[in-house]
Amino acid sequence: MAVGNHSTVTEFILAGLTEKPELQLPLFLFFLGVYVVTVVGNLGMITLTGLSSRLHTPMYYFLSSLSFIDLCYSTVITPKMLVNFVTEKNIISYPECMTQLYFFAFFIISECHMLAVMAYDSYAAICNPLLYNFTMSYLVCSWLVVGVYMMGLIGAIAHTSCLLRVVFCKDIIINHYFCDVFPLLELSCSSNYINEVILLCFSVFNILAPTLTILGSYASVIASILRIPSTEGKSKAFSTCSSHILAVTIFYGSAAFMYLPPSNVSSMDQSKVCSVFYTIIVPMLNPLVYSLRNKDVKVALNKIIEKRLFCILKDF
């Protein structure tokens, strides 16, 4: 029975992360905990940024946008993955699979470019502090965020359009825990050459272009830090930068491993494990790395808590 004009299947079965029964419950509890922390951390950052006037700056505007992206694409992936741990067959319909692919591509590509924008913001703040208010005005920040989502939209449409043209007539079991590009292409019985070229071009651009921007920005930032006369100032700046660079390295490194080299069946199991880092772990780490270790965030959080406690005690 066909779906549309290009597919002979109406549903797929997600193989999941592992088929070992003894690992199902421990992994379910672990990833459930990770998802709860992800939701609480990112929602908390979005809420805190909105409530605290102290955080109404370009840096935290971008951080709240990053938290929104992390929350969304984690929600696109994780709940369906959790279902796979507690059901014998995790069935997903063809329209649901394409929808999941579209939103995942939209948010993951947006994250790639948002991290680049945040690196540029750090460059502008540290290397050109006198021009910062002009360089990162409200209008500029707004257009940068719009540009980030436009890149996500274009990439998502390109990836999804390529998959909609694929003829699926092989095994309907997707060797992954969500509907991703290369695992779906493995099920195709038509030529994938054009699709793979297009997808590879978009992957190279969406990974390498932001990576080069980040490397260039942080190289300039580190050069500026080295000129700081105070040892304490250098140590504090390097501590912040190293945390950011670690989170970026985990995200881009795992994404590059998945999308830049040619994918094949033998490497798919390794790719699934690698995918866990940028789809599940990174959205949990980002609020911790970028926000909770930040002094301004801690001060803003303490003030809001004190204000709420004061209001409660006043009512009594």
C-alpha atoms as a PDB file:
ATOM      1  CA  MET A   1       0.000   0.000   0.000  1.00  0.00           C
ATOM      2  CA  ALA A   2       1.572   3.264  -1.081  1.00  0.00           C
ATOM      3  CA  VAL A   3       2.041   6.474   0.771  1.00  0.00           C
ATOM      4  CA  GLY A   4       2.047   9.374  -1.657  1.00  0.00           C
ATOM      5  CA  ASN A   5       3.734   8.614  -4.980  1.00  0.00           C
ATOM      6  CA  HIS A   6       7.157   7.563  -3.736  1.00  0.00           C
ATOM      7  CA  SER A   7       6.848   4.947  -1.024  1.00  0.00           C
ATOM      8  CA  THR A   8       5.588   1.396  -0.782  1.00  0.00           C
ATOM      9  CA  VAL A   9       5.478   1.434   3.023  1.00  0.00           C
ATOM     10  CA  THR A  10       3.019   2.994   5.445  1.00  0.00           C
ATOM     11  CA  GLU A  11       5.047   2.577   8.628  1.00  0.00           C
ATOM     12  CA  PHE A  12       8.503   1.842   9.975  1.00  0.00           C
ATOM     13  CA  ILE A  13       9.857   0.051  13.032  1.00  0.00           C
ATOM     14  CA  LEU A  14      12.564   1.863  15.012  1.00  0.00           C
ATOM     15  CA  ALA A  15      15.238  -0.628  16.100  1.00  0.00           C
ATOM     16  CA  GLY A  16      16.208   1.539  19.047  1.00  0.00           C
ATOM     17  CA  LEU A  17      19.553   2.022  20.736  1.00  0.00           C
ATOM     18  CA  THR A  18      20.026  -1.601  21.791  1.00  0.00           C
ATOM     19  CA  GLU A  19      18.249  -4.941  21.512  1.00  0.00           C
ATOM     20  CA  LYS A  20      19.648  -6.375  24.770  1.00  0.00           C
ATOM     21  CA  PRO A  21      16.696  -6.955  27.177  1.00  0.00           C
ATOM     22  CA  GLU A  22      18.805  -6.511  30.321  1.00  0.00           C
ATOM     23  CA  LEU A  23      19.732  -2.968  29.275  1.00  0.00           C
ATOM     24  CA  GLN A  24      16.217  -1.747  28.458  1.00  0.00           C
ATOM     25  CA  LEU A  25      15.133  -0.707  31.980  1.00  0.00           C
ATOM     26  CA  PRO A  26      18.465   0.872  33.074  1.00  0.00           C
ATOM     27  CA  LEU A  27      18.672   2.857  29.819  1.00  0.00           C
ATOM     28  CA  PHE A  28      15.020   3.902  30.121  1.00  0.00           C
ATOM     29  CA  LEU A  29      15.614   5.271  33.636  1.00  0.00           C
ATOM     30  CA  PHE A  30      18.878   6.950  32.624  1.00  0.00           C
ATOM     31  CA  PHE A  31      17.480   8.727  29.567  1.00  0.00           C
ATOM     32  CA  LEU A  32      14.274   9.626  31.400  1.00  0.00           C
ATOM     33  CA  GLY A  33      16.412  11.326  34.044  1.00  0.00           C
ATOM     34  CA  VAL A  34      18.454  13.098  31.366  1.00  0.00           C
ATOM     35  CA  TYR A  35      15.272  14.318  29.658  1.00  0.00           C
ATOM     36  CA  VAL A  36      13.815  15.647  32.924  1.00  0.00           C
ATOM     37  CA  VAL A  37      17.046  17.556  33.627  1.00  0.00           C
ATOM     38  CA  THR A  38      17.005  18.860  30.037  1.00  0.00           C
ATOM     39  CA  VAL A  39      13.445  20.141  30.293  1.00  0.00           C
ATOM     40  CA  VAL A  40      13.920  21.696  33.739  1.00  0.00           C
ATOM     41  CA  GLY A  41      17.281  23.270  32.846  1.00  0.00           C
ATOM     42  CA  ASN A  42      16.226  24.775  29.523  1.00  0.00           C
ATOM     43  CA  LEU A  43      12.782  25.899  30.669  1.00  0.00           C
ATOM     44  CA  GLY A  44      14.422  27.391  33.736  1.00  0.00           C
ATOM     45  CA  MET A  45      16.877  29.346  31.600  1.00  0.00           C
ATOM     46  CA  ILE A  46      14.122  30.667  29.325  1.00  0.00           C
ATOM     47  CA  THR A  47      11.978  31.674  32.313  1.00  0.00           C
ATOM     48  CA  LEU A  48      14.871  33.248  34.218  1.00  0.00           C
ATOM     49  CA  THR A  49      15.933  35.301  31.200  1.00  0.00           C
ATOM     50  CA  GLY A  50      12.393  36.595  30.784  1.00  0.00           C
ATOM     51  CA  LEU A  51      11.885  37.467  34.466  1.00  0.00           C
ATOM     52  CA  SER A  52      15.253  39.056  35.274  1.00  0.00           C
ATOM     53  CA  SER A  53      16.006  42.470  33.775  1.00  0.00           C
ATOM     54  CA  ARG A  54      19.654  41.815  34.652  1.00  0.00           C
ATOM     55  CA  LEU A  55      19.730  39.184  31.900  1.00  0.00           C
ATOM     56  CA  HIS A  56      18.151  41.323  29.177  1.00  0.00           C
ATOM     57  CA  THR A  57      21.393  41.462  27.176  1.00  0.00           C
ATOM     58  CA  PRO A  58      22.397  40.004  23.777  1.00  0.00           C
ATOM     59  CA  MET A  59      24.336  37.164  25.400  1.00  0.00           C
ATOM     60  CA  TYR A  60      21.340  35.910  27.376  1.00  0.00           C
ATOM     61  CA  TYR A  61      18.969  36.587  24.502  1.00  0.00           C
ATOM     62  CA  PHE A  62      21.010  34.094  22.476  1.00  0.00           C
ATOM     63  CA  LEU A  63      21.226  31.721  25.448  1.00  0.00           C
ATOM     64  CA  SER A  64      17.460  31.665  25.843  1.00  0.00           C
ATOM     65  CA  SER A  65      17.115  31.009  22.100  1.00  0.00           C
ATOM     66  CA  LEU A  66      19.614  28.149  22.420  1.00  0.00           C
ATOM     67  CA  SER A  67      17.649  26.751  25.365  1.00  0.00           C
ATOM     68  CA  PHE A  68      14.446  26.878  23.299  1.00  0.00           C
ATOM     69  CA  ILE A  69      16.146  24.997  20.445  1.00  0.00           C
ATOM     70  CA  ASP A  70      17.617  22.399  22.823  1.00  0.00           C
ATOM     71  CA  LEU A  71      14.264  21.862  24.507  1.00  0.00           C
ATOM     72  CA  CYS A  72      12.468  21.428  21.187  1.00  0.00           C
ATOM     73  CA  TYR A  73      14.797  19.032  19.417  1.00  0.00           C
ATOM     74  CA  SER A  74      15.292  16.964  22.551  1.00  0.00           C
ATOM     75  CA  THR A  75      11.493  16.679  22.793  1.00  0.00           C
ATOM     76  CA  VAL A  76      11.312  15.649  19.141  1.00  0.00           C
ATOM     77  CA  ILE A  77      13.678  12.711  19.796  1.00  0.00           C
ATOM     78  CA  THR A  78      13.689  11.542  23.417  1.00  0.00           C
ATOM     79  CA  PRO A  79      10.032  10.634  24.157  1.00  0.00           C
ATOM     80  CA  LYS A  80       9.876   8.330  21.123  1.00  0.00           C
ATOM     81  CA  MET A  81      13.195   6.819  22.149  1.00  0.00           C
ATOM     82  CA  LEU A  82      11.870   6.134  25.657  1.00  0.00           C
ATOM     83  CA  VAL A  83       8.868   4.326  24.185  1.00  0.00           C
ATOM     84  CA  ASN A  84      11.263   1.962  22.424  1.00  0.00           C
ATOM     85  CA  PHE A  85      12.617   0.787  25.795  1.00  0.00           C
ATOM     86  CA  VAL A  86       9.197  -0.257  27.121  1.00  0.00           C
ATOM     87  CA  THR A  87       7.530  -1.704  23.994  1.00  0.00           C
ATOM     88  CA  GLU A  88       8.347  -4.769  21.943  1.00  0.00           C
ATOM     89  CA  LYS A  89       8.014  -2.914  18.634  1.00  0.00           C
ATOM     90  CA  ASN A  90       8.326   0.848  18.368  1.00  0.00           C
ATOM     91  CA  ILE A  91       6.206   1.516  15.278  1.00  0.00           C
ATOM     92  CA  ILE A  92       6.192   4.941  13.642  1.00  0.00           C
ATOM     93  CA  SER A  93       3.998   5.790  10.659  1.00  0.00           C
ATOM     94  CA  TYR A  94       5.452   7.198   7.443  1.00  0.00           C
ATOM     95  CA  PRO A  95       3.975  10.722   7.983  1.00  0.00           C
ATOM     96  CA  GLU A  96       5.146  10.726  11.629  1.00  0.00           C
ATOM     97  CA  CYS A  97       8.631   9.666  10.540  1.00  0.00           C
ATOM     98  CA  MET A  98       8.907  12.441   7.958  1.00  0.00           C
ATOM     99  CA  THR A  99       7.544  14.958  10.455  1.00  0.00           C
ATOM    100  CA  GLN A 100      10.091  13.894  13.074  1.00  0.00           C
ATOM    101  CA  LEU A 101      12.867  14.146  10.489  1.00  0.00           C
ATOM    102  CA  TYR A 102      11.738  17.641   9.449  1.00  0.00           C
ATOM    103  CA  PHE A 103      11.610  19.106  12.956  1.00  0.00           C
ATOM    104  CA  PHE A 104      14.811  17.374  14.016  1.00  0.00           C
ATOM    105  CA  ALA A 105      16.655  18.790  10.981  1.00  0.00           C
ATOM    106  CA  PHE A 106      15.157  22.242  11.599  1.00  0.00           C
ATOM    107  CA  PHE A 107      16.259  22.454  15.222  1.00  0.00           C
ATOM    108  CA  ILE A 108      19.625  20.691  14.889  1.00  0.00           C
ATOM    109  CA  ILE A 109      20.687  22.952  12.008  1.00  0.00           C
ATOM    110  CA  SER A 110      19.435  25.981  13.927  1.00  0.00           C
ATOM    111  CA  GLU A 111      21.588  24.891  16.875  1.00  0.00           C
ATOM    112  CA  CYS A 112      24.670  24.679  14.647  1.00  0.00           C
ATOM    113  CA  HIS A 113      24.273  28.288  13.562  1.00  0.00           C
ATOM    114  CA  MET A 114      23.128  29.556  16.973  1.00  0.00           C
ATOM    115  CA  LEU A 115      26.384  28.318  18.518  1.00  0.00           C
ATOM    116  CA  ALA A 116      28.266  30.242  15.826  1.00  0.00           C
ATOM    117  CA  VAL A 117      26.257  33.389  16.589  1.00  0.00           C
ATOM    118  CA  MET A 118      27.035  33.012  20.298  1.00  0.00           C
ATOM    119  CA  ALA A 119      30.751  32.640  19.530  1.00  0.00           C
ATOM    120  CA  TYR A 120      30.602  35.822  17.451  1.00  0.00           C
ATOM    121  CA  ASP A 121      28.846  37.580  20.339  1.00  0.00           C
ATOM    122  CA  SER A 122      31.722  36.576  22.651  1.00  0.00           C
ATOM    123  CA  TYR A 123      34.196  37.886  20.084  1.00  0.00           C
ATOM    124  CA  ALA A 124      32.373  41.220  19.837  1.00  0.00           C
ATOM    125  CA  ALA A 125      32.146  41.582  23.634  1.00  0.00           C
ATOM    126  CA  ILE A 126      35.800  40.757  24.387  1.00  0.00           C
ATOM    127  CA  CYS A 127      37.678  41.966  21.317  1.00  0.00           C
ATOM    128  CA  ASN A 128      35.645  45.108  20.541  1.00  0.00           C
ATOM    129  CA  PRO A 129      34.016  46.133  23.847  1.00  0.00           C
ATOM    130  CA  LEU A 130      33.714  49.833  22.916  1.00  0.00           C
ATOM    131  CA  LEU A 131      31.687  49.000  19.800  1.00  0.00           C
ATOM    132  CA  TYR A 132      29.715  46.165  21.386  1.00  0.00           C
ATOM    133  CA  ASN A 133      26.446  48.049  21.952  1.00  0.00           C
ATOM    134  CA  PHE A 134      26.475  49.170  18.324  1.00  0.00           C
ATOM    135  CA  THR A 135      27.668  45.846  16.861  1.00  0.00           C
ATOM    136  CA  MET A 136      25.156  43.781  18.837  1.00  0.00           C
ATOM    137  CA  SER A 137      22.180  46.132  18.897  1.00  0.00           C
ATOM    138  CA  TYR A 138      18.656  44.788  19.454  1.00  0.00           C
ATOM    139  CA  LEU A 139      17.969  44.963  15.701  1.00  0.00           C
ATOM    140  CA  VAL A 140      21.176  43.106  14.828  1.00  0.00           C
ATOM    141  CA  CYS A 141      20.479  40.405  17.436  1.00  0.00           C
ATOM    142  CA  SER A 142      16.940  39.950  16.144  1.00  0.00           C
ATOM    143  CA  TRP A 143      18.113  39.558  12.559  1.00  0.00           C
ATOM    144  CA  LEU A 144      20.820  37.097  13.630  1.00  0.00           C
ATOM    145  CA  VAL A 145      18.211  34.905  15.337  1.00  0.00           C
ATOM    146  CA  VAL A 146      15.916  35.164  12.297  1.00  0.00           C
ATOM    147  CA  GLY A 147      18.869  34.145  10.122  1.00  0.00           C
ATOM    148  CA  VAL A 148      19.548  31.139  12.343  1.00  0.00           C
ATOM    149  CA  TYR A 149      15.969  29.894  11.997  1.00  0.00           C
ATOM    150  CA  MET A 150      15.986  30.566   8.255  1.00  0.00           C
ATOM    151  CA  MET A 151      19.062  28.350   7.876  1.00  0.00           C
ATOM    152  CA  GLY A 152      17.246  25.678   9.877  1.00  0.00           C
ATOM    153  CA  LEU A 153      14.152  26.019   7.698  1.00  0.00           C
ATOM    154  CA  ILE A 154      16.075  25.765   4.422  1.00  0.00           C
ATOM    155  CA  GLY A 155      18.061  22.763   5.640  1.00  0.00           C
ATOM    156  CA  ALA A 156      14.984  20.978   6.983  1.00  0.00           C
ATOM    157  CA  ILE A 157      13.093  21.453   3.719  1.00  0.00           C
ATOM    158  CA  ALA A 158      16.075  20.195   1.706  1.00  0.00           C
ATOM    159  CA  HIS A 159      16.615  17.088   3.857  1.00  0.00           C
ATOM    160  CA  THR A 160      12.922  16.199   4.058  1.00  0.00           C
ATOM    161  CA  SER A 161      12.317  16.806   0.342  1.00  0.00           C
ATOM    162  CA  CYS A 162      15.147  14.419  -0.524  1.00  0.00           C
ATOM    163  CA  LEU A 163      13.675  11.697   1.690  1.00  0.00           C
ATOM    164  CA  LEU A 164      10.167  12.186   0.301  1.00  0.00           C
ATOM    165  CA  ARG A 165      11.527  11.285  -3.149  1.00  0.00           C
ATOM    166  CA  VAL A 166      13.041   8.013  -1.944  1.00  0.00           C
ATOM    167  CA  VAL A 167      11.341   4.716  -2.821  1.00  0.00           C
ATOM    168  CA  PHE A 168      11.260   2.483   0.258  1.00  0.00           C
ATOM    169  CA  CYS A 169      10.864  -1.155  -0.706  1.00  0.00           C
ATOM    170  CA  LYS A 170      13.276  -2.978   1.573  1.00  0.00           C
ATOM    171  CA  ASP A 171      13.086  -3.934   5.221  1.00  0.00           C
ATOM    172  CA  ILE A 172      10.972  -1.421   7.176  1.00  0.00           C
ATOM    173  CA  ILE A 173      13.188  -1.641  10.281  1.00  0.00           C
ATOM    174  CA  ILE A 174      15.134   1.611  10.759  1.00  0.00           C
ATOM    175  CA  ASN A 175      18.464   0.820  12.421  1.00  0.00           C
ATOM    176  CA  HIS A 176      18.255   3.835  14.716  1.00  0.00           C
ATOM    177  CA  TYR A 177      16.236   5.242  17.605  1.00  0.00           C
ATOM    178  CA  PHE A 178      14.705   8.044  15.503  1.00  0.00           C
ATOM    179  CA  CYS A 179      14.053   8.867  11.856  1.00  0.00           C
ATOM    180  CA  ASP A 180      17.353  10.203  10.557  1.00  0.00           C
ATOM    181  CA  VAL A 181      18.611  10.699   7.029  1.00  0.00           C
ATOM    182  CA  PHE A 182      21.224   7.978   6.519  1.00  0.00           C
ATOM    183  CA  PRO A 183      19.355   5.167   8.328  1.00  0.00           C
ATOM    184  CA  LEU A 184      16.356   5.899   6.079  1.00  0.00           C
ATOM    185  CA  LEU A 185      18.500   5.902   2.950  1.00  0.00           C
ATOM    186  CA  GLU A 186      19.680   2.413   3.902  1.00  0.00           C
ATOM    187  CA  LEU A 187      16.095   1.202   3.289  1.00  0.00           C
ATOM    188  CA  SER A 188      15.919   2.633  -0.224  1.00  0.00           C
ATOM    189  CA  CYS A 189      15.866   0.457  -3.314  1.00  0.00           C
ATOM    190  CA  SER A 190      16.278   3.428  -5.656  1.00  0.00           C
ATOM    191  CA  SER A 191      19.496   5.284  -6.461  1.00  0.00           C
ATOM    192  CA  ASN A 192      20.616   7.469  -3.564  1.00  0.00           C
ATOM    193  CA  TYR A 193      23.463   9.218  -5.369  1.00  0.00           C
ATOM    194  CA  ILE A 194      21.745  12.572  -5.930  1.00  0.00           C
ATOM    195  CA  ASN A 195      20.222  12.535  -2.444  1.00  0.00           C
ATOM    196  CA  GLU A 196      23.552  11.727  -0.819  1.00  0.00           C
ATOM    197  CA  VAL A 197      25.347  14.497  -2.727  1.00  0.00           C
ATOM    198  CA  ILE A 198      22.729  17.077  -1.750  1.00  0.00           C
ATOM    199  CA  LEU A 199      22.654  15.915   1.858  1.00  0.00           C
ATOM    200  CA  LEU A 200      26.445  15.853   2.077  1.00  0.00           C
ATOM    201  CA  CYS A 201      26.682  19.411   0.687  1.00  0.00           C
ATOM    202  CA  PHE A 202      24.186  20.699   3.258  1.00  0.00           C
ATOM    203  CA  SER A 203      25.904  18.754   6.044  1.00  0.00           C
ATOM    204  CA  VAL A 204      29.323  20.153   5.123  1.00  0.00           C
ATOM    205  CA  PHE A 205      27.981  23.704   5.029  1.00  0.00           C
ATOM    206  CA  ASN A 206      25.939  23.460   8.242  1.00  0.00           C
ATOM    207  CA  ILE A 207      28.803  21.876  10.195  1.00  0.00           C
ATOM    208  CA  LEU A 208      31.968  23.387   8.701  1.00  0.00           C
ATOM    209  CA  ALA A 209      30.760  26.982   8.229  1.00  0.00           C
ATOM    210  CA  PRO A 210      29.676  27.431  11.884  1.00  0.00           C
ATOM    211  CA  THR A 211      32.774  25.523  13.051  1.00  0.00           C
ATOM    212  CA  LEU A 212      35.101  27.898  11.187  1.00  0.00           C
ATOM    213  CA  THR A 213      33.188  30.875  12.610  1.00  0.00           C
ATOM    214  CA  ILE A 214      33.528  29.480  16.125  1.00  0.00           C
ATOM    215  CA  LEU A 215      37.227  28.669  15.712  1.00  0.00           C
ATOM    216  CA  GLY A 216      37.947  32.130  14.312  1.00  0.00           C
ATOM    217  CA  SER A 217      35.972  33.860  17.059  1.00  0.00           C
ATOM    218  CA  TYR A 218      37.537  31.900  19.907  1.00  0.00           C
ATOM    219  CA  ALA A 219      41.034  32.253  18.442  1.00  0.00           C
ATOM    220  CA  SER A 220      40.571  36.028  18.591  1.00  0.00           C
ATOM    221  CA  VAL A 221      39.057  35.781  22.077  1.00  0.00           C
ATOM    222  CA  ILE A 222      41.962  33.694  23.390  1.00  0.00           C
ATOM    223  CA  ALA A 223      44.458  36.127  21.838  1.00  0.00           C
ATOM    224  CA  SER A 224      42.700  38.971  23.674  1.00  0.00           C
ATOM    225  CA  ILE A 225      42.670  37.002  26.936  1.00  0.00           C
ATOM    226  CA  LEU A 226      46.429  36.436  26.706  1.00  0.00           C
ATOM    227  CA  ARG A 227      46.879  40.212  26.709  1.00  0.00           C
ATOM    228  CA  ILE A 228      45.036  40.558  30.039  1.00  0.00           C
ATOM    229  CA  PRO A 229      47.666  41.567  32.642  1.00  0.00           C
ATOM    230  CA  SER A 230      45.837  40.010  35.608  1.00  0.00           C
ATOM    231  CA  THR A 231      46.504  36.295  36.190  1.00  0.00           C
ATOM    232  CA  GLU A 232      43.126  35.968  37.925  1.00  0.00           C
ATOM    233  CA  GLY A 233      41.382  37.590  34.966  1.00  0.00           C
ATOM    234  CA  LYS A 234      43.108  35.218  32.537  1.00  0.00           C
ATOM    235  CA  SER A 235      42.192  32.195  34.654  1.00  0.00           C
ATOM    236  CA  LYS A 236      38.522  33.234  34.873  1.00  0.00           C
ATOM    237  CA  ALA A 237      38.270  33.959  31.146  1.00  0.00           C
ATOM    238  CA  PHE A 238      39.981  30.703  30.159  1.00  0.00           C
ATOM    239  CA  SER A 239      37.696  28.762  32.519  1.00  0.00           C
ATOM    240  CA  THR A 240      34.614  30.200  30.823  1.00  0.00           C
ATOM    241  CA  CYS A 241      35.982  29.688  27.307  1.00  0.00           C
ATOM    242  CA  SER A 242      37.105  26.122  27.996  1.00  0.00           C
ATOM    243  CA  SER A 243      33.602  25.188  29.163  1.00  0.00           C
ATOM    244  CA  HIS A 244      32.062  26.664  26.018  1.00  0.00           C
ATOM    245  CA  ILE A 245      34.647  25.018  23.757  1.00  0.00           C
ATOM    246  CA  LEU A 246      34.056  21.630  25.422  1.00  0.00           C
ATOM    247  CA  ALA A 247      30.285  21.790  24.778  1.00  0.00           C
ATOM    248  CA  VAL A 248      30.831  22.926  21.185  1.00  0.00           C
ATOM    249  CA  THR A 249      33.426  20.187  20.577  1.00  0.00           C
ATOM    250  CA  ILE A 250      31.095  17.442  21.819  1.00  0.00           C
ATOM    251  CA  PHE A 251      28.226  18.717  19.655  1.00  0.00           C
ATOM    252  CA  TYR A 252      30.130  19.332  16.404  1.00  0.00           C
ATOM    253  CA  GLY A 253      32.445  16.349  16.846  1.00  0.00           C
ATOM    254  CA  SER A 254      29.611  13.849  17.226  1.00  0.00           C
ATOM    255  CA  ALA A 255      27.548  15.506  14.463  1.00  0.00           C
ATOM    256  CA  ALA A 256      30.510  15.486  12.070  1.00  0.00           C
ATOM    257  CA  PHE A 257      31.160  11.802  12.808  1.00  0.00           C
ATOM    258  CA  MET A 258      27.558  11.015  11.908  1.00  0.00           C
ATOM    259  CA  TYR A 259      26.989  13.183   8.826  1.00  0.00           C
ATOM    260  CA  LEU A 260      30.283  14.006   7.118  1.00  0.00           C
ATOM    261  CA  PRO A 261      31.746  10.538   6.330  1.00  0.00           C
ATOM    262  CA  PRO A 262      29.841   8.152   4.038  1.00  0.00           C
ATOM    263  CA  SER A 263      27.425   6.173   6.171  1.00  0.00           C
ATOM    264  CA  ASN A 264      27.111   2.397   5.892  1.00  0.00           C
ATOM    265  CA  VAL A 265      25.449  -0.429   7.736  1.00  0.00           C
ATOM    266  CA  SER A 266      28.612  -1.527   9.547  1.00  0.00           C
ATOM    267  CA  SER A 267      29.144   1.935  11.036  1.00  0.00           C
ATOM    268  CA  MET A 268      25.486   2.563  11.887  1.00  0.00           C
ATOM    269  CA  ASP A 269      25.689   1.007  15.350  1.00  0.00           C
ATOM    270  CA  GLN A 270      28.618   3.308  16.178  1.00  0.00           C
ATOM    271  CA  SER A 271      26.692   6.236  14.713  1.00  0.00           C
ATOM    272  CA  LYS A 272      23.726   5.511  16.995  1.00  0.00           C
ATOM    273  CA  VAL A 273      25.906   5.773  20.066  1.00  0.00           C
ATOM    274  CA  CYS A 274      27.534   8.915  18.673  1.00  0.00           C
ATOM    275  CA  SER A 275      24.107  10.427  17.979  1.00  0.00           C
ATOM    276  CA  VAL A 276      23.221  10.153  21.663  1.00  0.00           C
ATOM    277  CA  PHE A 277      25.721  12.918  22.437  1.00  0.00           C
ATOM    278  CA  TYR A 278      24.312  15.626  20.153  1.00  0.00           C
ATOM    279  CA  THR A 279      20.630  14.632  20.400  1.00  0.00           C
ATOM    280  CA  ILE A 280      20.312  13.922  24.137  1.00  0.00           C
ATOM    281  CA  ILE A 281      23.438  14.737  26.151  1.00  0.00           C
ATOM    282  CA  VAL A 282      24.289  18.169  24.685  1.00  0.00           C
ATOM    283  CA  PRO A 283      20.782  19.644  25.280  1.00  0.00           C
ATOM    284  CA  MET A 284      21.192  18.661  28.944  1.00  0.00           C
ATOM    285  CA  LEU A 285      24.744  20.041  29.212  1.00  0.00           C
ATOM    286  CA  ASN A 286      24.161  23.402  27.531  1.00  0.00           C
ATOM    287  CA  PRO A 287      22.195  25.034  30.402  1.00  0.00           C
ATOM    288  CA  LEU A 288      24.886  23.847  32.828  1.00  0.00           C
ATOM    289  CA  VAL A 289      27.856  24.913  30.719  1.00  0.00           C
ATOM    290  CA  TYR A 290      26.545  28.202  29.367  1.00  0.00           C
ATOM    291  CA  SER A 291      24.253  29.340  32.145  1.00  0.00           C
ATOM    292  CA  LEU A 292      24.397  27.817  35.606  1.00  0.00           C
ATOM    293  CA  ARG A 293      28.158  28.319  35.889  1.00  0.00           C
ATOM    294  CA  ASN A 294      27.665  31.982  35.063  1.00  0.00           C
ATOM    295  CA  LYS A 295      27.785  34.491  37.933  1.00  0.00           C
ATOM    296  CA  ASP A 296      25.060  36.725  36.451  1.00  0.00           C
ATOM    297  CA  VAL A 297      22.669  33.780  36.233  1.00  0.00           C
ATOM    298  CA  LYS A 298      23.320  32.774  39.839  1.00  0.00           C
ATOM    299  CA  VAL A 299      22.772  36.340  41.078  1.00  0.00           C
ATOM    300  CA  ALA A 300      19.568  36.712  39.046  1.00  0.00           C
ATOM    301  CA  LEU A 301      18.282  33.344  40.300  1.00  0.00           C
ATOM    302  CA  ASN A 302      19.025  34.225  43.936  1.00  0.00           C
ATOM    303  CA  LYS A 303      17.254  37.582  43.602  1.00  0.00           C
ATOM    304  CA  ILE A 304      14.132  35.988  42.133  1.00  0.00           C
ATOM    305  CA  ILE A 305      14.090  33.312  44.871  1.00  0.00           C
ATOM    306  CA  GLU A 306      14.539  35.965  47.581  1.00  0.00           C
ATOM    307  CA  LYS A 307      11.779  38.069  46.052  1.00  0.00           C
ATOM    308  CA  ARG A 308       9.384  35.114  45.954  1.00  0.00           C
ATOM    309  CA  LEU A 309      10.219  34.147  49.550  1.00  0.00           C
ATOM    310  CA  PHE A 310       9.692  37.724  50.676  1.00  0.00           C
ATOM    311  CA  CYS A 311       6.262  37.831  49.004  1.00  0.00           C
ATOM    312  CA  ILE A 312       5.286  34.499  50.633  1.00  0.00           C
ATOM    313  CA  LEU A 313       6.436  35.615  54.100  1.00  0.00           C
ATOM    314  CA  LYS A 314       4.712  38.971  53.655  1.00  0.00           C
ATOM    315  CA  ASP A 315       1.392  37.219  52.996  1.00  0.00           C
ATOM    316  CA  PHE A 316       1.725  35.427  56.321  1.00  0.00           C
END
